[in-house]
Amino acid sequence: MLDEEYRPDQITEYGTAAQDAAVQRMRPHLRLTRIGVAVAAVAVLFDVVALATFPIFAGLGPTRAWVITALVAGVLLLAIAGFQLVCWQLAFAEWRSGPDRDLNRLALISYLAHWVSYLVVLLALFAAMAASRESGWSSTSAVFTALGLAFAIGGQVLAGVQYLRTAGPPGTIPAHMRRLIERERVRARRGSRPT
């Protein structure tokens, strides 16, 4: 049907139903992103404890530079995860008939922040390994640094990479899995044909 063929009440109902579908798909995604922010916050707490328990031997021992770097990386990941959560909350509010926002600009910044989160988590990985080496692999500080790294990775996976999509939250199956499933279906069809 052409746009002119719809009655006005049909168009608003369709728009409302489409927005309701986006809002319903959004609820679990928003919950997962909130959990990711909480996990990233716990990572920062572990990094603070690692810094506090870092061994200092009368100024002759290892320096705290790497554990501070791990802490800074954890704070950056928390900031990125928090930013992603705010982006999704603003979009969620708009989709629930809230105030209009420029979601395209926000989506671009969110997309760039998601790529930066990969670099920051790599920085956290290398800083955590170096801090653990400096403090002694079995020290209390090294254990808390490792826990901070694990939680930082969790925060990045759950929230940092969840960039805003203006069409709504992603589906439950990632795109690469859909492609793999489709390839397998094509192969199965080729294999089932008589030659």
C-alpha atoms as a PDB file:
ATOM      1  CA  MET A   1       0.000   0.000   0.000  1.00  0.00           C
ATOM      2  CA  LEU A   2       1.074   3.541  -0.653  1.00  0.00           C
ATOM      3  CA  ASP A   3       1.344   5.990   2.227  1.00  0.00           C
ATOM      4  CA  GLU A   4      -1.622   7.927   0.863  1.00  0.00           C
ATOM      5  CA  GLU A   5      -3.846   4.821   1.116  1.00  0.00           C
ATOM      6  CA  TYR A   6      -3.482   4.524   4.910  1.00  0.00           C
ATOM      7  CA  ARG A   7      -5.968   6.219   7.165  1.00  0.00           C
ATOM      8  CA  PRO A   8      -4.378   8.479   9.835  1.00  0.00           C
ATOM      9  CA  ASP A   9      -5.496   6.225  12.679  1.00  0.00           C
ATOM     10  CA  GLN A  10      -3.784   3.226  11.036  1.00  0.00           C
ATOM     11  CA  ILE A  11      -0.467   5.040  10.791  1.00  0.00           C
ATOM     12  CA  THR A  12      -0.397   6.050  14.451  1.00  0.00           C
ATOM     13  CA  GLU A  13      -1.354   2.547  15.551  1.00  0.00           C
ATOM     14  CA  TYR A  14       1.435   1.074  13.467  1.00  0.00           C
ATOM     15  CA  GLY A  15       3.949   3.544  14.887  1.00  0.00           C
ATOM     16  CA  THR A  16       2.804   2.842  18.420  1.00  0.00           C
ATOM     17  CA  ALA A  17       3.092  -0.913  17.918  1.00  0.00           C
ATOM     18  CA  ALA A  18       6.577  -0.563  16.431  1.00  0.00           C
ATOM     19  CA  GLN A  19       7.711   1.614  19.330  1.00  0.00           C
ATOM     20  CA  ASP A  20       6.181  -0.799  21.842  1.00  0.00           C
ATOM     21  CA  ALA A  21       8.119  -3.648  20.229  1.00  0.00           C
ATOM     22  CA  ALA A  22      11.375  -1.684  20.530  1.00  0.00           C
ATOM     23  CA  VAL A  23      10.603  -0.868  24.160  1.00  0.00           C
ATOM     24  CA  GLN A  24       9.865  -4.523  24.948  1.00  0.00           C
ATOM     25  CA  ARG A  25      13.111  -5.655  23.298  1.00  0.00           C
ATOM     26  CA  MET A  26      14.905  -2.884  25.174  1.00  0.00           C
ATOM     27  CA  ARG A  27      14.089  -3.986  28.720  1.00  0.00           C
ATOM     28  CA  PRO A  28      16.460  -7.013  28.906  1.00  0.00           C
ATOM     29  CA  HIS A  29      19.158  -5.098  27.021  1.00  0.00           C
ATOM     30  CA  LEU A  30      18.935  -2.184  29.432  1.00  0.00           C
ATOM     31  CA  ARG A  31      19.103  -4.571  32.391  1.00  0.00           C
ATOM     32  CA  LEU A  32      22.211  -6.254  30.956  1.00  0.00           C
ATOM     33  CA  THR A  33      23.883  -2.879  30.401  1.00  0.00           C
ATOM     34  CA  ARG A  34      23.113  -1.863  33.994  1.00  0.00           C
ATOM     35  CA  ILE A  35      24.704  -5.091  35.213  1.00  0.00           C
ATOM     36  CA  GLY A  36      27.740  -4.303  33.059  1.00  0.00           C
ATOM     37  CA  VAL A  37      28.114  -0.889  34.688  1.00  0.00           C
ATOM     38  CA  ALA A  38      27.893  -2.503  38.139  1.00  0.00           C
ATOM     39  CA  VAL A  39      30.534  -5.068  37.145  1.00  0.00           C
ATOM     40  CA  ALA A  40      32.813  -2.283  35.882  1.00  0.00           C
ATOM     41  CA  ALA A  41      32.321  -0.430  39.187  1.00  0.00           C
ATOM     42  CA  VAL A  42      33.370  -3.548  41.109  1.00  0.00           C
ATOM     43  CA  ALA A  43      36.477  -3.709  38.897  1.00  0.00           C
ATOM     44  CA  VAL A  44      37.407  -0.186  39.993  1.00  0.00           C
ATOM     45  CA  LEU A  45      36.949  -1.181  43.636  1.00  0.00           C
ATOM     46  CA  PHE A  46      39.247  -4.183  43.160  1.00  0.00           C
ATOM     47  CA  ASP A  47      41.842  -1.945  41.513  1.00  0.00           C
ATOM     48  CA  VAL A  48      41.662   0.518  44.418  1.00  0.00           C
ATOM     49  CA  VAL A  49      42.232  -2.340  46.889  1.00  0.00           C
ATOM     50  CA  ALA A  50      45.114  -3.588  44.722  1.00  0.00           C
ATOM     51  CA  LEU A  51      46.681  -0.142  44.882  1.00  0.00           C
ATOM     52  CA  ALA A  52      46.197   0.022  48.657  1.00  0.00           C
ATOM     53  CA  THR A  53      47.777  -3.412  49.196  1.00  0.00           C
ATOM     54  CA  PHE A  54      50.649  -2.890  46.744  1.00  0.00           C
ATOM     55  CA  PRO A  55      53.904  -3.748  48.564  1.00  0.00           C
ATOM     56  CA  ILE A  56      56.366  -0.904  49.181  1.00  0.00           C
ATOM     57  CA  PHE A  57      59.771  -1.816  50.604  1.00  0.00           C
ATOM     58  CA  ALA A  58      61.329   1.424  51.895  1.00  0.00           C
ATOM     59  CA  GLY A  59      61.293   2.974  48.443  1.00  0.00           C
ATOM     60  CA  LEU A  60      63.521   0.251  47.008  1.00  0.00           C
ATOM     61  CA  GLY A  61      60.745  -2.016  45.798  1.00  0.00           C
ATOM     62  CA  PRO A  62      58.577  -1.926  42.733  1.00  0.00           C
ATOM     63  CA  THR A  63      56.794   1.195  41.621  1.00  0.00           C
ATOM     64  CA  ARG A  64      53.039   1.623  41.633  1.00  0.00           C
ATOM     65  CA  ALA A  65      52.883   2.913  38.047  1.00  0.00           C
ATOM     66  CA  TRP A  66      51.346  -0.229  36.571  1.00  0.00           C
ATOM     67  CA  VAL A  67      48.731  -0.701  39.253  1.00  0.00           C
ATOM     68  CA  ILE A  68      47.783   2.967  38.859  1.00  0.00           C
ATOM     69  CA  THR A  69      47.543   2.406  35.089  1.00  0.00           C
ATOM     70  CA  ALA A  70      45.247  -0.575  35.711  1.00  0.00           C
ATOM     71  CA  LEU A  71      43.119   1.620  37.976  1.00  0.00           C
ATOM     72  CA  VAL A  72      42.926   4.379  35.367  1.00  0.00           C
ATOM     73  CA  ALA A  73      41.926   1.813  32.724  1.00  0.00           C
ATOM     74  CA  GLY A  74      39.227   0.500  35.060  1.00  0.00           C
ATOM     75  CA  VAL A  75      37.885   4.015  35.629  1.00  0.00           C
ATOM     76  CA  LEU A  76      37.882   4.662  31.868  1.00  0.00           C
ATOM     77  CA  LEU A  77      35.962   1.422  31.261  1.00  0.00           C
ATOM     78  CA  LEU A  78      33.481   2.405  33.946  1.00  0.00           C
ATOM     79  CA  ALA A  79      33.040   5.788  32.265  1.00  0.00           C
ATOM     80  CA  ILE A  80      32.499   4.176  28.840  1.00  0.00           C
ATOM     81  CA  ALA A  81      30.047   1.631  30.265  1.00  0.00           C
ATOM     82  CA  GLY A  82      28.200   4.409  32.085  1.00  0.00           C
ATOM     83  CA  PHE A  83      28.070   6.476  28.908  1.00  0.00           C
ATOM     84  CA  GLN A  84      26.620   3.525  26.975  1.00  0.00           C
ATOM     85  CA  LEU A  85      23.993   3.072  29.673  1.00  0.00           C
ATOM     86  CA  VAL A  86      23.050   6.757  29.541  1.00  0.00           C
ATOM     87  CA  CYS A  87      22.769   6.595  25.741  1.00  0.00           C
ATOM     88  CA  TRP A  88      20.424   3.614  25.931  1.00  0.00           C
ATOM     89  CA  GLN A  89      18.366   5.221  28.688  1.00  0.00           C
ATOM     90  CA  LEU A  90      17.918   8.386  26.606  1.00  0.00           C
ATOM     91  CA  ALA A  91      16.864   6.315  23.598  1.00  0.00           C
ATOM     92  CA  PHE A  92      14.538   4.243  25.785  1.00  0.00           C
ATOM     93  CA  ALA A  93      12.917   7.418  27.076  1.00  0.00           C
ATOM     94  CA  GLU A  94      12.416   8.711  23.544  1.00  0.00           C
ATOM     95  CA  TRP A  95      10.927   5.421  22.363  1.00  0.00           C
ATOM     96  CA  ARG A  96       8.485   5.557  25.262  1.00  0.00           C
ATOM     97  CA  SER A  97       7.124   8.863  23.911  1.00  0.00           C
ATOM     98  CA  GLY A  98       9.575  11.002  25.843  1.00  0.00           C
ATOM     99  CA  PRO A  99      11.333  14.121  24.583  1.00  0.00           C
ATOM    100  CA  ASP A 100      12.953  13.952  21.144  1.00  0.00           C
ATOM    101  CA  ARG A 101      16.723  13.689  21.126  1.00  0.00           C
ATOM    102  CA  ASP A 102      19.343  13.635  18.404  1.00  0.00           C
ATOM    103  CA  LEU A 103      19.944   9.891  18.588  1.00  0.00           C
ATOM    104  CA  ASN A 104      22.064   9.821  15.423  1.00  0.00           C
ATOM    105  CA  ARG A 105      24.786  12.018  16.916  1.00  0.00           C
ATOM    106  CA  LEU A 106      24.592  10.098  20.181  1.00  0.00           C
ATOM    107  CA  ALA A 107      24.810   6.802  18.265  1.00  0.00           C
ATOM    108  CA  LEU A 108      27.993   7.943  16.520  1.00  0.00           C
ATOM    109  CA  ILE A 109      29.671   8.916  19.784  1.00  0.00           C
ATOM    110  CA  SER A 110      28.481   5.678  21.357  1.00  0.00           C
ATOM    111  CA  TYR A 111      29.900   3.677  18.450  1.00  0.00           C
ATOM    112  CA  LEU A 112      33.286   5.393  18.797  1.00  0.00           C
ATOM    113  CA  ALA A 113      33.264   4.826  22.567  1.00  0.00           C
ATOM    114  CA  HIS A 114      32.631   1.130  21.996  1.00  0.00           C
ATOM    115  CA  TRP A 115      35.812   0.926  19.863  1.00  0.00           C
ATOM    116  CA  VAL A 116      37.776   2.860  22.470  1.00  0.00           C
ATOM    117  CA  SER A 117      36.615   0.323  25.086  1.00  0.00           C
ATOM    118  CA  TYR A 118      38.558  -2.396  23.243  1.00  0.00           C
ATOM    119  CA  LEU A 119      41.751  -0.351  23.484  1.00  0.00           C
ATOM    120  CA  VAL A 120      41.135   0.428  27.142  1.00  0.00           C
ATOM    121  CA  VAL A 121      40.537  -3.218  28.037  1.00  0.00           C
ATOM    122  CA  LEU A 122      43.821  -4.113  26.293  1.00  0.00           C
ATOM    123  CA  LEU A 123      45.552  -1.424  28.340  1.00  0.00           C
ATOM    124  CA  ALA A 124      43.956  -2.908  31.476  1.00  0.00           C
ATOM    125  CA  LEU A 125      45.202  -6.370  30.498  1.00  0.00           C
ATOM    126  CA  PHE A 126      48.814  -5.311  29.992  1.00  0.00           C
ATOM    127  CA  ALA A 127      48.789  -3.059  33.067  1.00  0.00           C
ATOM    128  CA  ALA A 128      47.366  -5.853  35.228  1.00  0.00           C
ATOM    129  CA  MET A 129      50.020  -8.303  34.051  1.00  0.00           C
ATOM    130  CA  ALA A 130      52.819  -5.796  34.660  1.00  0.00           C
ATOM    131  CA  ALA A 131      51.402  -4.775  38.066  1.00  0.00           C
ATOM    132  CA  SER A 132      51.158  -8.421  39.103  1.00  0.00           C
ATOM    133  CA  ARG A 133      54.751  -9.009  38.018  1.00  0.00           C
ATOM    134  CA  GLU A 134      55.946  -5.919  39.902  1.00  0.00           C
ATOM    135  CA  SER A 135      54.143  -6.793  43.115  1.00  0.00           C
ATOM    136  CA  GLY A 136      54.880 -10.515  42.991  1.00  0.00           C
ATOM    137  CA  TRP A 137      52.543 -12.938  41.264  1.00  0.00           C
ATOM    138  CA  SER A 138      51.117 -14.341  44.489  1.00  0.00           C
ATOM    139  CA  SER A 139      50.832 -11.091  46.448  1.00  0.00           C
ATOM    140  CA  THR A 140      47.508  -9.767  47.675  1.00  0.00           C
ATOM    141  CA  SER A 141      47.828  -6.845  45.292  1.00  0.00           C
ATOM    142  CA  ALA A 142      48.308  -9.208  42.334  1.00  0.00           C
ATOM    143  CA  VAL A 143      45.174 -11.146  43.289  1.00  0.00           C
ATOM    144  CA  PHE A 144      43.096  -7.970  43.491  1.00  0.00           C
ATOM    145  CA  THR A 145      44.616  -6.725  40.229  1.00  0.00           C
ATOM    146  CA  ALA A 146      43.613  -9.991  38.526  1.00  0.00           C
ATOM    147  CA  LEU A 147      40.093  -9.716  39.957  1.00  0.00           C
ATOM    148  CA  GLY A 148      39.919  -6.113  38.777  1.00  0.00           C
ATOM    149  CA  LEU A 149      40.972  -7.219  35.301  1.00  0.00           C
ATOM    150  CA  ALA A 150      38.351  -9.981  35.204  1.00  0.00           C
ATOM    151  CA  PHE A 151      35.606  -7.598  36.268  1.00  0.00           C
ATOM    152  CA  ALA A 152      36.839  -4.903  33.847  1.00  0.00           C
ATOM    153  CA  ILE A 153      36.575  -7.385  30.986  1.00  0.00           C
ATOM    154  CA  GLY A 154      33.101  -8.326  32.212  1.00  0.00           C
ATOM    155  CA  GLY A 155      32.042  -4.683  32.324  1.00  0.00           C
ATOM    156  CA  GLN A 156      33.399  -4.120  28.841  1.00  0.00           C
ATOM    157  CA  VAL A 157      31.596  -7.168  27.443  1.00  0.00           C
ATOM    158  CA  LEU A 158      28.292  -6.460  29.178  1.00  0.00           C
ATOM    159  CA  ALA A 159      28.142  -2.680  28.764  1.00  0.00           C
ATOM    160  CA  GLY A 160      31.145  -1.129  27.022  1.00  0.00           C
ATOM    161  CA  VAL A 161      30.471  -2.699  23.636  1.00  0.00           C
ATOM    162  CA  GLN A 162      26.709  -2.091  23.735  1.00  0.00           C
ATOM    163  CA  TYR A 163      26.739   0.936  21.484  1.00  0.00           C
ATOM    164  CA  LEU A 164      23.492   2.734  20.735  1.00  0.00           C
ATOM    165  CA  ARG A 165      21.615   1.596  17.658  1.00  0.00           C
ATOM    166  CA  THR A 166      18.920   3.983  16.476  1.00  0.00           C
ATOM    167  CA  ALA A 167      16.793   1.083  15.209  1.00  0.00           C
ATOM    168  CA  GLY A 168      16.597  -0.393  18.692  1.00  0.00           C
ATOM    169  CA  PRO A 169      18.545  -2.987  20.631  1.00  0.00           C
ATOM    170  CA  PRO A 170      20.238  -5.856  18.844  1.00  0.00           C
ATOM    171  CA  GLY A 171      18.552  -9.234  18.591  1.00  0.00           C
ATOM    172  CA  THR A 172      19.438 -12.197  20.733  1.00  0.00           C
ATOM    173  CA  ILE A 173      21.591 -13.869  18.076  1.00  0.00           C
ATOM    174  CA  PRO A 174      24.614 -11.885  16.912  1.00  0.00           C
ATOM    175  CA  ALA A 175      24.883 -11.151  13.207  1.00  0.00           C
ATOM    176  CA  HIS A 176      27.879 -13.444  12.709  1.00  0.00           C
ATOM    177  CA  MET A 177      25.887 -16.362  14.156  1.00  0.00           C
ATOM    178  CA  ARG A 178      23.062 -15.630  11.733  1.00  0.00           C
ATOM    179  CA  ARG A 179      25.531 -15.702   8.849  1.00  0.00           C
ATOM    180  CA  LEU A 180      26.970 -19.012  10.052  1.00  0.00           C
ATOM    181  CA  ILE A 181      23.509 -20.530  10.346  1.00  0.00           C
ATOM    182  CA  GLU A 182      22.602 -19.298   6.860  1.00  0.00           C
ATOM    183  CA  ARG A 183      25.830 -20.758   5.424  1.00  0.00           C
ATOM    184  CA  GLU A 184      25.037 -24.087   7.025  1.00  0.00           C
ATOM    185  CA  ARG A 185      21.530 -24.056   5.545  1.00  0.00           C
ATOM    186  CA  VAL A 186      22.980 -23.372   2.080  1.00  0.00           C
ATOM    187  CA  ARG A 187      25.472 -26.218   2.503  1.00  0.00           C
ATOM    188  CA  ALA A 188      22.731 -28.550   3.686  1.00  0.00           C
ATOM    189  CA  ARG A 189      20.607 -27.699   0.635  1.00  0.00           C
ATOM    190  CA  ARG A 190      23.554 -28.348  -1.676  1.00  0.00           C
ATOM    191  CA  GLY A 191      24.266 -31.663   0.035  1.00  0.00           C
ATOM    192  CA  SER A 192      20.662 -32.850  -0.160  1.00  0.00           C
ATOM    193  CA  ARG A 193      20.327 -32.278  -3.936  1.00  0.00           C
ATOM    194  CA  PRO A 194      20.869 -35.303  -6.124  1.00  0.00           C
ATOM    195  CA  THR A 195      23.810 -34.961  -8.502  1.00  0.00           C
END
